């Protein structure tokens, strides 16, 4: 989809249109489709600064979640994204997997469990931030945004070339046109090109890939790209060998609020008391 946030500076609204890359047939043949739409993520969205009023002579600027800027927390156990931190997207489209003989499809990155698709053309307006989104409208779960394809890919030109062209091709180059690849290959398709871009701040210059300037949070875009390059080019699967399994446990927020003081004292005062006790015992012994 073609849309830039800079267009909202001059006008408070704009239209996101299909970019028309003309890759639909080829990707469909490989087993995946990028849809002409935008993902709105209610649960996992990065905020943008918005002026909500005035405080005296100064504008009151607050960070409000922008549903078109989702971040993905992968649940896949694939070594490429296992234990990977959140990956940042900007204006991402949804993806669908298509039946393709001999192709194995693995969803690497996806939206949260409260998402929806907005088909093109999408009217994007800053005025929408005045109204709180309604959670019941975001019913779709884990919309694919990055898919790994593995197997023997079929050519998009199979059964489409003129027989005379194939004959000339074989006579001149002494090669046979292959409708299916002789060896298995790998391909990663991502529905947002901004995943590899670097942002820019006038005072600091180019920022690191995956750094979100409004919250100064570092996302794992760079790690994901490096993992992807390593997985696609590594014939000996070093990425799988060095991959570790880590289980993150969620904390009980209710218990945290109830027992906050107890655990603070346990982790700060108790070590000091133990040092004093053992130091005194050693000194007076």
C-alpha atoms as a PDB file:
ATOM      1  CA  UNK A   1       0.000   0.000   0.000  1.00  0.00           C
ATOM      2  CA  UNK A   2       1.218   3.479  -0.866  1.00  0.00           C
ATOM      3  CA  UNK A   3       0.972   6.029   1.936  1.00  0.00           C
ATOM      4  CA  UNK A   4       3.386   8.197   3.911  1.00  0.00           C
ATOM      5  CA  UNK A   5       2.856   9.802   7.291  1.00  0.00           C
ATOM      6  CA  UNK A   6       4.375  13.009   5.925  1.00  0.00           C
ATOM      7  CA  UNK A   7       1.216  13.541   3.891  1.00  0.00           C
ATOM      8  CA  UNK A   8      -0.719  13.987   7.152  1.00  0.00           C
ATOM      9  CA  UNK A   9       1.423  17.003   8.040  1.00  0.00           C
ATOM     10  CA  UNK A  10      -0.019  19.092   5.201  1.00  0.00           C
ATOM     11  CA  UNK A  11      -3.470  17.551   5.415  1.00  0.00           C
ATOM     12  CA  UNK A  12      -5.123  15.753   8.318  1.00  0.00           C
ATOM     13  CA  UNK A  13      -6.386  12.976   6.028  1.00  0.00           C
ATOM     14  CA  UNK A  14      -5.244  10.966   3.044  1.00  0.00           C
ATOM     15  CA  UNK A  15      -5.924   7.864   0.955  1.00  0.00           C
ATOM     16  CA  UNK A  16      -3.832   4.697   1.040  1.00  0.00           C
ATOM     17  CA  UNK A  17      -3.896   3.073  -2.392  1.00  0.00           C
ATOM     18  CA  UNK A  18      -2.607  -0.145  -3.857  1.00  0.00           C
ATOM     19  CA  UNK A  19       0.965   0.397  -5.002  1.00  0.00           C
ATOM     20  CA  UNK A  20       0.487  -1.899  -8.006  1.00  0.00           C
ATOM     21  CA  UNK A  21       3.783  -3.808  -7.880  1.00  0.00           C
ATOM     22  CA  UNK A  22       2.410  -6.436 -10.297  1.00  0.00           C
ATOM     23  CA  UNK A  23       3.832  -9.289  -8.220  1.00  0.00           C
ATOM     24  CA  UNK A  24       0.513 -10.978  -7.426  1.00  0.00           C
ATOM     25  CA  UNK A  25       0.785 -13.718 -10.057  1.00  0.00           C
ATOM     26  CA  UNK A  26       4.350 -14.633  -9.145  1.00  0.00           C
ATOM     27  CA  UNK A  27       3.747 -14.736  -5.382  1.00  0.00           C
ATOM     28  CA  UNK A  28       0.497 -16.644  -5.920  1.00  0.00           C
ATOM     29  CA  UNK A  29       2.487 -19.269  -7.826  1.00  0.00           C
ATOM     30  CA  UNK A  30       4.957 -19.500  -4.953  1.00  0.00           C
ATOM     31  CA  UNK A  31       2.219 -20.012  -2.374  1.00  0.00           C
ATOM     32  CA  UNK A  32       1.458 -16.629  -0.810  1.00  0.00           C
ATOM     33  CA  UNK A  33      -0.616 -13.530  -1.518  1.00  0.00           C
ATOM     34  CA  UNK A  34      -0.190  -9.967  -0.254  1.00  0.00           C
ATOM     35  CA  UNK A  35      -3.608  -8.374  -0.051  1.00  0.00           C
ATOM     36  CA  UNK A  36      -4.355  -4.739  -0.993  1.00  0.00           C
ATOM     37  CA  UNK A  37      -5.348  -3.683   2.507  1.00  0.00           C
ATOM     38  CA  UNK A  38      -3.961  -2.361   5.784  1.00  0.00           C
ATOM     39  CA  UNK A  39      -3.895  -4.069   9.159  1.00  0.00           C
ATOM     40  CA  UNK A  40      -5.327  -2.277  12.158  1.00  0.00           C
ATOM     41  CA  UNK A  41      -4.028  -3.762  15.407  1.00  0.00           C
ATOM     42  CA  UNK A  42      -5.917  -2.816  18.563  1.00  0.00           C
ATOM     43  CA  UNK A  43      -3.668  -4.659  21.003  1.00  0.00           C
ATOM     44  CA  UNK A  44      -0.141  -4.128  19.643  1.00  0.00           C
ATOM     45  CA  UNK A  45       0.267  -0.661  18.123  1.00  0.00           C
ATOM     46  CA  UNK A  46       2.999   1.960  18.452  1.00  0.00           C
ATOM     47  CA  UNK A  47       1.890   5.486  19.410  1.00  0.00           C
ATOM     48  CA  UNK A  48       2.400   8.759  17.555  1.00  0.00           C
ATOM     49  CA  UNK A  49       2.531  12.287  19.037  1.00  0.00           C
ATOM     50  CA  UNK A  50      -0.730  14.187  18.663  1.00  0.00           C
ATOM     51  CA  UNK A  51      -1.628  17.706  19.803  1.00  0.00           C
ATOM     52  CA  UNK A  52      -4.784  17.334  21.888  1.00  0.00           C
ATOM     53  CA  UNK A  53      -5.085  20.906  23.143  1.00  0.00           C
ATOM     54  CA  UNK A  54      -3.198  23.808  24.668  1.00  0.00           C
ATOM     55  CA  UNK A  55      -1.636  24.313  28.088  1.00  0.00           C
ATOM     56  CA  UNK A  56      -1.348  28.056  28.309  1.00  0.00           C
ATOM     57  CA  UNK A  57       0.580  29.083  25.201  1.00  0.00           C
ATOM     58  CA  UNK A  58       2.125  25.635  24.717  1.00  0.00           C
ATOM     59  CA  UNK A  59       0.582  22.743  22.804  1.00  0.00           C
ATOM     60  CA  UNK A  60      -0.453  19.683  24.813  1.00  0.00           C
ATOM     61  CA  UNK A  61       1.198  16.794  22.936  1.00  0.00           C
ATOM     62  CA  UNK A  62       0.423  13.223  23.906  1.00  0.00           C
ATOM     63  CA  UNK A  63       1.350   9.804  22.566  1.00  0.00           C
ATOM     64  CA  UNK A  64      -1.735   8.019  21.244  1.00  0.00           C
ATOM     65  CA  UNK A  65      -1.699   4.473  19.782  1.00  0.00           C
ATOM     66  CA  UNK A  66      -1.714   4.528  15.977  1.00  0.00           C
ATOM     67  CA  UNK A  67      -3.388   1.312  14.897  1.00  0.00           C
ATOM     68  CA  UNK A  68      -1.695   1.343  11.488  1.00  0.00           C
ATOM     69  CA  UNK A  69       1.749   0.940  13.094  1.00  0.00           C
ATOM     70  CA  UNK A  70       1.583  -2.552  14.611  1.00  0.00           C
ATOM     71  CA  UNK A  71       4.427  -4.520  16.123  1.00  0.00           C
ATOM     72  CA  UNK A  72       4.590  -8.283  15.942  1.00  0.00           C
ATOM     73  CA  UNK A  73       5.467 -10.701  18.743  1.00  0.00           C
ATOM     74  CA  UNK A  74       6.066 -14.044  17.094  1.00  0.00           C
ATOM     75  CA  UNK A  75       4.649 -17.227  18.607  1.00  0.00           C
ATOM     76  CA  UNK A  76       6.408 -19.494  16.114  1.00  0.00           C
ATOM     77  CA  UNK A  77       9.033 -21.965  17.313  1.00  0.00           C
ATOM     78  CA  UNK A  78      10.918 -21.700  14.045  1.00  0.00           C
ATOM     79  CA  UNK A  79      14.628 -20.993  14.735  1.00  0.00           C
ATOM     80  CA  UNK A  80      14.462 -17.848  12.627  1.00  0.00           C
ATOM     81  CA  UNK A  81      12.103 -16.071  15.054  1.00  0.00           C
ATOM     82  CA  UNK A  82      12.194 -18.209  18.196  1.00  0.00           C
ATOM     83  CA  UNK A  83      12.923 -15.991  21.249  1.00  0.00           C
ATOM     84  CA  UNK A  84      12.909 -12.927  18.990  1.00  0.00           C
ATOM     85  CA  UNK A  85      11.816  -9.599  20.452  1.00  0.00           C
ATOM     86  CA  UNK A  86       8.977  -7.589  18.912  1.00  0.00           C
ATOM     87  CA  UNK A  87       9.376  -6.479  15.282  1.00  0.00           C
ATOM     88  CA  UNK A  88       8.040  -3.075  14.223  1.00  0.00           C
ATOM     89  CA  UNK A  89       5.821  -2.548  11.162  1.00  0.00           C
ATOM     90  CA  UNK A  90       4.426   0.602   9.555  1.00  0.00           C
ATOM     91  CA  UNK A  91       1.364   0.402   7.324  1.00  0.00           C
ATOM     92  CA  UNK A  92       1.521  -3.379   6.924  1.00  0.00           C
ATOM     93  CA  UNK A  93      -0.748  -5.375   4.633  1.00  0.00           C
ATOM     94  CA  UNK A  94      -2.253  -8.745   5.400  1.00  0.00           C
ATOM     95  CA  UNK A  95      -1.095 -11.974   3.770  1.00  0.00           C
ATOM     96  CA  UNK A  96      -2.763 -15.267   2.876  1.00  0.00           C
ATOM     97  CA  UNK A  97      -1.121 -18.609   2.170  1.00  0.00           C
ATOM     98  CA  UNK A  98      -2.094 -20.338  -1.061  1.00  0.00           C
ATOM     99  CA  UNK A  99      -2.007 -24.036  -1.878  1.00  0.00           C
ATOM    100  CA  UNK A 100       1.206 -24.684  -3.837  1.00  0.00           C
ATOM    101  CA  UNK A 101       2.421 -28.243  -4.512  1.00  0.00           C
ATOM    102  CA  UNK A 102       5.744 -29.017  -2.869  1.00  0.00           C
ATOM    103  CA  UNK A 103       5.941 -25.725  -0.927  1.00  0.00           C
ATOM    104  CA  UNK A 104       6.061 -25.631   2.871  1.00  0.00           C
ATOM    105  CA  UNK A 105       4.729 -22.428   4.387  1.00  0.00           C
ATOM    106  CA  UNK A 106       5.653 -21.131   7.857  1.00  0.00           C
ATOM    107  CA  UNK A 107       4.121 -17.976   9.321  1.00  0.00           C
ATOM    108  CA  UNK A 108       6.967 -16.091  11.005  1.00  0.00           C
ATOM    109  CA  UNK A 109       5.325 -12.815  12.063  1.00  0.00           C
ATOM    110  CA  UNK A 110       1.684 -11.933  12.581  1.00  0.00           C
ATOM    111  CA  UNK A 111      -0.610  -9.408  14.229  1.00  0.00           C
ATOM    112  CA  UNK A 112      -2.143  -9.753  17.684  1.00  0.00           C
ATOM    113  CA  UNK A 113      -5.383 -11.500  18.591  1.00  0.00           C
ATOM    114  CA  UNK A 114      -7.341  -8.246  18.199  1.00  0.00           C
ATOM    115  CA  UNK A 115      -6.865  -7.085  14.621  1.00  0.00           C
ATOM    116  CA  UNK A 116      -8.786  -6.372  11.459  1.00  0.00           C
ATOM    117  CA  UNK A 117      -8.179  -5.702   7.766  1.00  0.00           C
ATOM    118  CA  UNK A 118      -9.079  -2.455   6.015  1.00  0.00           C
ATOM    119  CA  UNK A 119      -9.429  -3.060   2.247  1.00  0.00           C
ATOM    120  CA  UNK A 120      -8.072  -0.521  -0.235  1.00  0.00           C
ATOM    121  CA  UNK A 121      -8.639   2.296  -0.751  1.00  0.00           C
ATOM    122  CA  UNK A 122      -8.224   3.157   2.940  1.00  0.00           C
ATOM    123  CA  UNK A 123      -9.015   6.660   4.144  1.00  0.00           C
ATOM    124  CA  UNK A 124      -6.531   7.518   6.887  1.00  0.00           C
ATOM    125  CA  UNK A 125      -7.428  10.496   9.043  1.00  0.00           C
ATOM    126  CA  UNK A 126      -5.919  11.987  12.176  1.00  0.00           C
ATOM    127  CA  UNK A 127      -9.435  12.825  13.326  1.00  0.00           C
ATOM    128  CA  UNK A 128      -9.999   9.138  14.042  1.00  0.00           C
ATOM    129  CA  UNK A 129      -7.731   9.532  17.078  1.00  0.00           C
ATOM    130  CA  UNK A 130     -10.410  11.649  18.734  1.00  0.00           C
ATOM    131  CA  UNK A 131     -12.513   8.542  19.246  1.00  0.00           C
ATOM    132  CA  UNK A 132     -11.504   5.502  21.261  1.00  0.00           C
ATOM    133  CA  UNK A 133     -11.453   2.327  19.116  1.00  0.00           C
ATOM    134  CA  UNK A 134     -14.106  -0.259  19.843  1.00  0.00           C
ATOM    135  CA  UNK A 135     -12.514  -3.588  20.855  1.00  0.00           C
ATOM    136  CA  UNK A 136     -15.434  -5.654  19.536  1.00  0.00           C
ATOM    137  CA  UNK A 137     -14.595  -4.577  15.977  1.00  0.00           C
ATOM    138  CA  UNK A 138     -11.173  -6.217  16.084  1.00  0.00           C
ATOM    139  CA  UNK A 139     -12.042  -9.898  15.935  1.00  0.00           C
ATOM    140  CA  UNK A 140      -9.386 -11.355  13.636  1.00  0.00           C
ATOM    141  CA  UNK A 141      -6.452 -13.184  15.215  1.00  0.00           C
ATOM    142  CA  UNK A 142      -2.835 -13.474  14.091  1.00  0.00           C
ATOM    143  CA  UNK A 143      -3.044 -12.039  10.588  1.00  0.00           C
ATOM    144  CA  UNK A 144       0.141 -13.145   8.744  1.00  0.00           C
ATOM    145  CA  UNK A 145       2.675 -10.411   7.959  1.00  0.00           C
ATOM    146  CA  UNK A 146       5.793 -12.475   7.179  1.00  0.00           C
ATOM    147  CA  UNK A 147       5.845 -15.966   5.676  1.00  0.00           C
ATOM    148  CA  UNK A 148       8.696 -18.383   4.988  1.00  0.00           C
ATOM    149  CA  UNK A 149       8.371 -20.487   1.829  1.00  0.00           C
ATOM    150  CA  UNK A 150      10.496 -23.602   1.317  1.00  0.00           C
ATOM    151  CA  UNK A 151      10.506 -26.179  -1.462  1.00  0.00           C
ATOM    152  CA  UNK A 152      10.845 -26.505  -5.224  1.00  0.00           C
ATOM    153  CA  UNK A 153       9.272 -23.414  -6.717  1.00  0.00           C
ATOM    154  CA  UNK A 154       7.336 -23.493  -9.969  1.00  0.00           C
ATOM    155  CA  UNK A 155       7.956 -20.890 -12.641  1.00  0.00           C
ATOM    156  CA  UNK A 156       5.308 -18.261 -13.229  1.00  0.00           C
ATOM    157  CA  UNK A 157       5.947 -18.672 -16.968  1.00  0.00           C
ATOM    158  CA  UNK A 158       5.026 -22.366 -17.011  1.00  0.00           C
ATOM    159  CA  UNK A 159       2.385 -23.041 -19.713  1.00  0.00           C
ATOM    160  CA  UNK A 160       2.523 -19.381 -20.741  1.00  0.00           C
ATOM    161  CA  UNK A 161       5.437 -19.231 -23.177  1.00  0.00           C
ATOM    162  CA  UNK A 162       4.997 -19.594 -26.895  1.00  0.00           C
ATOM    163  CA  UNK A 163       6.357 -22.952 -28.180  1.00  0.00           C
ATOM    164  CA  UNK A 164       8.413 -21.111 -30.820  1.00  0.00           C
ATOM    165  CA  UNK A 165      10.118 -19.040 -28.099  1.00  0.00           C
ATOM    166  CA  UNK A 166      10.971 -22.183 -26.128  1.00  0.00           C
ATOM    167  CA  UNK A 167      12.414 -23.804 -29.251  1.00  0.00           C
ATOM    168  CA  UNK A 168      14.591 -20.757 -29.996  1.00  0.00           C
ATOM    169  CA  UNK A 169      15.647 -20.652 -26.345  1.00  0.00           C
ATOM    170  CA  UNK A 170      16.742 -24.276 -26.414  1.00  0.00           C
ATOM    171  CA  UNK A 171      18.509 -23.983 -29.772  1.00  0.00           C
ATOM    172  CA  UNK A 172      20.416 -20.788 -28.971  1.00  0.00           C
ATOM    173  CA  UNK A 173      21.354 -21.347 -25.308  1.00  0.00           C
ATOM    174  CA  UNK A 174      21.355 -25.152 -25.350  1.00  0.00           C
ATOM    175  CA  UNK A 175      19.259 -25.200 -22.193  1.00  0.00           C
ATOM    176  CA  UNK A 176      15.909 -26.695 -21.307  1.00  0.00           C
ATOM    177  CA  UNK A 177      13.187 -24.494 -19.890  1.00  0.00           C
ATOM    178  CA  UNK A 178      12.379 -25.748 -16.387  1.00  0.00           C
ATOM    179  CA  UNK A 179       8.813 -25.402 -15.185  1.00  0.00           C
ATOM    180  CA  UNK A 180       9.887 -26.442 -11.657  1.00  0.00           C
ATOM    181  CA  UNK A 181      13.203 -25.780  -9.941  1.00  0.00           C
ATOM    182  CA  UNK A 182      15.616 -28.709  -9.817  1.00  0.00           C
ATOM    183  CA  UNK A 183      16.635 -27.963  -6.220  1.00  0.00           C
ATOM    184  CA  UNK A 184      14.657 -26.821  -3.194  1.00  0.00           C
ATOM    185  CA  UNK A 185      14.906 -23.155  -2.338  1.00  0.00           C
ATOM    186  CA  UNK A 186      13.872 -20.731   0.398  1.00  0.00           C
ATOM    187  CA  UNK A 187      12.057 -17.423   0.281  1.00  0.00           C
ATOM    188  CA  UNK A 188      10.778 -14.993   2.907  1.00  0.00           C
ATOM    189  CA  UNK A 189       7.921 -12.673   1.958  1.00  0.00           C
ATOM    190  CA  UNK A 190       7.125  -9.676   4.197  1.00  0.00           C
ATOM    191  CA  UNK A 191       4.088  -7.461   3.637  1.00  0.00           C
ATOM    192  CA  UNK A 192       5.792  -4.211   4.671  1.00  0.00           C
ATOM    193  CA  UNK A 193       8.910  -2.755   3.075  1.00  0.00           C
ATOM    194  CA  UNK A 194       9.436  -0.369   6.012  1.00  0.00           C
ATOM    195  CA  UNK A 195      10.693  -3.272   8.095  1.00  0.00           C
ATOM    196  CA  UNK A 196      14.192  -2.699   6.650  1.00  0.00           C
ATOM    197  CA  UNK A 197      14.234   1.112   6.686  1.00  0.00           C
ATOM    198  CA  UNK A 198      16.056   3.483   9.026  1.00  0.00           C
ATOM    199  CA  UNK A 199      14.265   6.472  10.472  1.00  0.00           C
ATOM    200  CA  UNK A 200      15.903   9.917  10.652  1.00  0.00           C
ATOM    201  CA  UNK A 201      16.015  12.697  13.219  1.00  0.00           C
ATOM    202  CA  UNK A 202      17.542  16.060  12.335  1.00  0.00           C
ATOM    203  CA  UNK A 203      19.417  16.313  15.630  1.00  0.00           C
ATOM    204  CA  UNK A 204      20.755  12.740  15.612  1.00  0.00           C
ATOM    205  CA  UNK A 205      20.843  11.775  11.959  1.00  0.00           C
ATOM    206  CA  UNK A 206      19.974   8.237  10.764  1.00  0.00           C
ATOM    207  CA  UNK A 207      18.690   5.919  13.474  1.00  0.00           C
ATOM    208  CA  UNK A 208      19.365   2.232  13.868  1.00  0.00           C
ATOM    209  CA  UNK A 209      17.045  -0.118  12.040  1.00  0.00           C
ATOM    210  CA  UNK A 210      14.043  -0.866  14.254  1.00  0.00           C
ATOM    211  CA  UNK A 211      14.441   2.175  16.520  1.00  0.00           C
ATOM    212  CA  UNK A 212      11.127   3.958  17.101  1.00  0.00           C
ATOM    213  CA  UNK A 213      11.889   7.621  17.689  1.00  0.00           C
ATOM    214  CA  UNK A 214       8.661   8.580  19.472  1.00  0.00           C
ATOM    215  CA  UNK A 215       9.090   6.083  22.313  1.00  0.00           C
ATOM    216  CA  UNK A 216      12.861   5.558  21.895  1.00  0.00           C
ATOM    217  CA  UNK A 217      12.268   1.836  21.887  1.00  0.00           C
ATOM    218  CA  UNK A 218      14.518  -0.547  20.015  1.00  0.00           C
ATOM    219  CA  UNK A 219      12.673  -3.285  18.129  1.00  0.00           C
ATOM    220  CA  UNK A 220      14.202  -6.467  16.717  1.00  0.00           C
ATOM    221  CA  UNK A 221      13.973  -5.524  13.021  1.00  0.00           C
ATOM    222  CA  UNK A 222      17.738  -5.675  12.545  1.00  0.00           C
ATOM    223  CA  UNK A 223      17.975  -9.050  14.272  1.00  0.00           C
ATOM    224  CA  UNK A 224      15.135 -10.420  12.161  1.00  0.00           C
ATOM    225  CA  UNK A 225      16.819  -9.278   8.939  1.00  0.00           C
ATOM    226  CA  UNK A 226      20.176 -10.773   9.946  1.00  0.00           C
ATOM    227  CA  UNK A 227      18.494 -14.028  10.982  1.00  0.00           C
ATOM    228  CA  UNK A 228      16.661 -14.127   7.655  1.00  0.00           C
ATOM    229  CA  UNK A 229      19.865 -13.612   5.660  1.00  0.00           C
ATOM    230  CA  UNK A 230      21.655 -16.265   7.690  1.00  0.00           C
ATOM    231  CA  UNK A 231      18.830 -18.778   7.339  1.00  0.00           C
ATOM    232  CA  UNK A 232      18.482 -18.219   3.585  1.00  0.00           C
ATOM    233  CA  UNK A 233      22.216 -18.550   2.892  1.00  0.00           C
ATOM    234  CA  UNK A 234      23.389 -21.035   5.518  1.00  0.00           C
ATOM    235  CA  UNK A 235      23.504 -24.539   4.137  1.00  0.00           C
ATOM    236  CA  UNK A 236      24.601 -26.100   7.418  1.00  0.00           C
ATOM    237  CA  UNK A 237      21.829 -24.661   9.599  1.00  0.00           C
ATOM    238  CA  UNK A 238      24.103 -22.888  12.078  1.00  0.00           C
ATOM    239  CA  UNK A 239      21.114 -20.780  13.087  1.00  0.00           C
ATOM    240  CA  UNK A 240      19.295 -23.868  14.336  1.00  0.00           C
ATOM    241  CA  UNK A 241      22.367 -25.115  16.189  1.00  0.00           C
ATOM    242  CA  UNK A 242      22.825 -21.910  18.201  1.00  0.00           C
ATOM    243  CA  UNK A 243      19.135 -21.376  18.851  1.00  0.00           C
ATOM    244  CA  UNK A 244      18.046 -21.717  22.476  1.00  0.00           C
ATOM    245  CA  UNK A 245      14.676 -22.348  24.043  1.00  0.00           C
ATOM    246  CA  UNK A 246      13.619 -19.759  26.601  1.00  0.00           C
ATOM    247  CA  UNK A 247      10.271 -19.625  28.344  1.00  0.00           C
ATOM    248  CA  UNK A 248       9.065 -16.208  29.514  1.00  0.00           C
ATOM    249  CA  UNK A 249       6.643 -16.316  32.422  1.00  0.00           C
ATOM    250  CA  UNK A 250       4.027 -13.610  32.798  1.00  0.00           C
ATOM    251  CA  UNK A 251       3.824 -11.976  36.208  1.00  0.00           C
ATOM    252  CA  UNK A 252       0.612 -11.882  38.204  1.00  0.00           C
ATOM    253  CA  UNK A 253      -0.233  -8.157  38.164  1.00  0.00           C
ATOM    254  CA  UNK A 254      -2.749  -8.505  41.003  1.00  0.00           C
ATOM    255  CA  UNK A 255      -0.196 -10.182  43.242  1.00  0.00           C
ATOM    256  CA  UNK A 256       2.430  -7.595  42.275  1.00  0.00           C
ATOM    257  CA  UNK A 257       0.251  -4.730  43.504  1.00  0.00           C
ATOM    258  CA  UNK A 258      -0.714  -6.586  46.671  1.00  0.00           C
ATOM    259  CA  UNK A 259       2.769  -7.794  47.661  1.00  0.00           C
ATOM    260  CA  UNK A 260       4.853  -4.936  46.221  1.00  0.00           C
ATOM    261  CA  UNK A 261       6.325  -3.721  49.535  1.00  0.00           C
ATOM    262  CA  UNK A 262       7.094  -7.252  50.712  1.00  0.00           C
ATOM    263  CA  UNK A 263       9.167  -8.133  47.655  1.00  0.00           C
ATOM    264  CA  UNK A 264      10.925  -4.755  47.615  1.00  0.00           C
ATOM    265  CA  UNK A 265      12.079  -5.246  51.189  1.00  0.00           C
ATOM    266  CA  UNK A 266      13.008  -8.856  50.475  1.00  0.00           C
ATOM    267  CA  UNK A 267      15.255  -7.842  47.567  1.00  0.00           C
ATOM    268  CA  UNK A 268      16.788  -4.692  49.093  1.00  0.00           C
ATOM    269  CA  UNK A 269      16.816  -4.861  52.879  1.00  0.00           C
ATOM    270  CA  UNK A 270      17.395  -8.610  53.362  1.00  0.00           C
ATOM    271  CA  UNK A 271      20.748  -8.747  51.467  1.00  0.00           C
ATOM    272  CA  UNK A 272      22.032  -5.790  53.531  1.00  0.00           C
ATOM    273  CA  UNK A 273      20.962  -7.429  56.791  1.00  0.00           C
ATOM    274  CA  UNK A 274      22.619 -10.696  55.792  1.00  0.00           C
ATOM    275  CA  UNK A 275      25.895  -8.907  55.020  1.00  0.00           C
ATOM    276  CA  UNK A 276      25.783  -7.120  58.375  1.00  0.00           C
ATOM    277  CA  UNK A 277      24.975 -10.379  60.218  1.00  0.00           C
ATOM    278  CA  UNK A 278      27.745 -12.455  58.652  1.00  0.00           C
ATOM    279  CA  UNK A 279      30.190  -9.533  58.875  1.00  0.00           C
ATOM    280  CA  UNK A 280      29.455  -9.111  62.587  1.00  0.00           C
ATOM    281  CA  UNK A 281      29.711 -12.838  63.194  1.00  0.00           C
ATOM    282  CA  UNK A 282      33.108 -12.956  61.497  1.00  0.00           C
ATOM    283  CA  UNK A 283      34.356  -9.803  63.275  1.00  0.00           C
ATOM    284  CA  UNK A 284      33.357 -10.860  66.801  1.00  0.00           C
ATOM    285  CA  UNK A 285      34.257 -14.520  66.410  1.00  0.00           C
END
